Amino acid sequence: MKRTLSLYDMDSILRNAGADRVSECASNKLAELLEDAAGQLMFEAKLLARHAGRSQISARDIYLAADFIKARA
């Protein structure tokens, strides 16, 4: 699957979190994990929007989806 998050942005996130040096592999892995988590979050949010009779996902759907995912963890 093609990644949509840039390695530069992943490098910046890791450096802002305190890393002095960041490998390309680390940036790739962070992008993979974030995109997988976002995909799961959007899947749940889409279910919530459909359940409410809407086709548009709202911020509230995303918050509720995040709560559902946290509760299952």
C-alpha atoms as a PDB file:
ATOM      1  CA  MET A   1       0.000   0.000   0.000  1.00  0.00           C
ATOM      2  CA  LYS A   2       1.277   3.453  -0.872  1.00  0.00           C
ATOM      3  CA  ARG A   3       2.066   5.656   2.119  1.00  0.00           C
ATOM      4  CA  THR A   4       0.482   9.089   2.251  1.00  0.00           C
ATOM      5  CA  LEU A   5       2.414  10.458   5.229  1.00  0.00           C
ATOM      6  CA  SER A   6       5.804  11.860   4.294  1.00  0.00           C
ATOM      7  CA  LEU A   7       9.041  10.602   5.802  1.00  0.00           C
ATOM      8  CA  TYR A   8       9.978  14.212   6.477  1.00  0.00           C
ATOM      9  CA  ASP A   9       6.881  14.674   8.652  1.00  0.00           C
ATOM     10  CA  MET A  10       7.553  11.397  10.490  1.00  0.00           C
ATOM     11  CA  ASP A  11      11.147  12.486  11.078  1.00  0.00           C
ATOM     12  CA  SER A  12       9.868  15.791  12.485  1.00  0.00           C
ATOM     13  CA  ILE A  13       7.432  14.048  14.823  1.00  0.00           C
ATOM     14  CA  LEU A  14      10.147  11.757  16.150  1.00  0.00           C
ATOM     15  CA  ARG A  15      12.610  14.631  16.614  1.00  0.00           C
ATOM     16  CA  ASN A  16       9.980  16.761  18.377  1.00  0.00           C
ATOM     17  CA  ALA A  17       9.435  13.814  20.716  1.00  0.00           C
ATOM     18  CA  GLY A  18      13.103  13.957  21.668  1.00  0.00           C
ATOM     19  CA  ALA A  19      14.979  11.752  19.197  1.00  0.00           C
ATOM     20  CA  ASP A  20      18.390  13.149  18.242  1.00  0.00           C
ATOM     21  CA  ARG A  21      18.766  10.899  15.213  1.00  0.00           C
ATOM     22  CA  VAL A  22      16.082   9.089  13.242  1.00  0.00           C
ATOM     23  CA  SER A  23      16.566   6.277  10.746  1.00  0.00           C
ATOM     24  CA  GLU A  24      14.525   6.066   7.564  1.00  0.00           C
ATOM     25  CA  CYS A  25      13.254   2.699   8.799  1.00  0.00           C
ATOM     26  CA  ALA A  26      11.909   4.334  11.973  1.00  0.00           C
ATOM     27  CA  SER A  27      10.161   7.040   9.951  1.00  0.00           C
ATOM     28  CA  ASN A  28       8.632   4.396   7.672  1.00  0.00           C
ATOM     29  CA  LYS A  29       7.414   2.338  10.629  1.00  0.00           C
ATOM     30  CA  LEU A  30       5.831   5.359  12.312  1.00  0.00           C
ATOM     31  CA  ALA A  31       4.038   6.252   9.068  1.00  0.00           C
ATOM     32  CA  GLU A  32       2.800   2.677   8.737  1.00  0.00           C
ATOM     33  CA  LEU A  33       1.496   2.578  12.303  1.00  0.00           C
ATOM     34  CA  LEU A  34      -0.190   5.982  12.100  1.00  0.00           C
ATOM     35  CA  GLU A  35      -1.860   5.193   8.782  1.00  0.00           C
ATOM     36  CA  ASP A  36      -3.096   1.833  10.068  1.00  0.00           C
ATOM     37  CA  ALA A  37      -4.495   3.480  13.202  1.00  0.00           C
ATOM     38  CA  ALA A  38      -6.145   6.213  11.118  1.00  0.00           C
ATOM     39  CA  GLY A  39      -7.699   3.593   8.849  1.00  0.00           C
ATOM     40  CA  GLN A  40      -9.186   1.766  11.817  1.00  0.00           C
ATOM     41  CA  LEU A  41     -10.432   5.041  13.289  1.00  0.00           C
ATOM     42  CA  MET A  42     -12.094   6.073  10.011  1.00  0.00           C
ATOM     43  CA  PHE A  43     -13.723   2.665   9.607  1.00  0.00           C
ATOM     44  CA  GLU A  44     -15.335   3.000  13.048  1.00  0.00           C
ATOM     45  CA  ALA A  45     -16.290   6.639  12.425  1.00  0.00           C
ATOM     46  CA  LYS A  46     -17.931   5.693   9.128  1.00  0.00           C
ATOM     47  CA  LEU A  47     -19.988   3.029  10.897  1.00  0.00           C
ATOM     48  CA  LEU A  48     -21.146   5.588  13.450  1.00  0.00           C
ATOM     49  CA  ALA A  49     -22.116   8.100  10.762  1.00  0.00           C
ATOM     50  CA  ARG A  50     -24.062   5.435   8.852  1.00  0.00           C
ATOM     51  CA  HIS A  51     -25.787   4.345  12.053  1.00  0.00           C
ATOM     52  CA  ALA A  52     -26.892   7.971  12.522  1.00  0.00           C
ATOM     53  CA  GLY A  53     -28.240   8.026   8.947  1.00  0.00           C
ATOM     54  CA  ARG A  54     -25.490  10.269   7.601  1.00  0.00           C
ATOM     55  CA  SER A  55     -22.948   9.819   4.827  1.00  0.00           C
ATOM     56  CA  GLN A  56     -20.696  12.594   6.144  1.00  0.00           C
ATOM     57  CA  ILE A  57     -18.343  11.789   9.019  1.00  0.00           C
ATOM     58  CA  SER A  58     -18.384  14.403  11.766  1.00  0.00           C
ATOM     59  CA  ALA A  59     -15.759  15.289  14.358  1.00  0.00           C
ATOM     60  CA  ARG A  60     -18.074  13.736  16.942  1.00  0.00           C
ATOM     61  CA  ASP A  61     -17.988  10.426  15.026  1.00  0.00           C
ATOM     62  CA  ILE A  62     -14.194  10.492  15.187  1.00  0.00           C
ATOM     63  CA  TYR A  63     -14.187  11.216  18.934  1.00  0.00           C
ATOM     64  CA  LEU A  64     -16.674   8.422  19.599  1.00  0.00           C
ATOM     65  CA  ALA A  65     -14.742   6.004  17.373  1.00  0.00           C
ATOM     66  CA  ALA A  66     -11.548   6.798  19.306  1.00  0.00           C
ATOM     67  CA  ASP A  67     -13.384   6.095  22.576  1.00  0.00           C
ATOM     68  CA  PHE A  68     -14.642   2.760  21.232  1.00  0.00           C
ATOM     69  CA  ILE A  69     -11.160   1.757  20.125  1.00  0.00           C
ATOM     70  CA  LYS A  70      -9.655   2.733  23.496  1.00  0.00           C
ATOM     71  CA  ALA A  71     -12.336   0.773  25.349  1.00  0.00           C
ATOM     72  CA  ARG A  72     -11.506  -2.364  23.359  1.00  0.00           C
ATOM     73  CA  ALA A  73      -7.753  -2.048  23.983  1.00  0.00           C
END
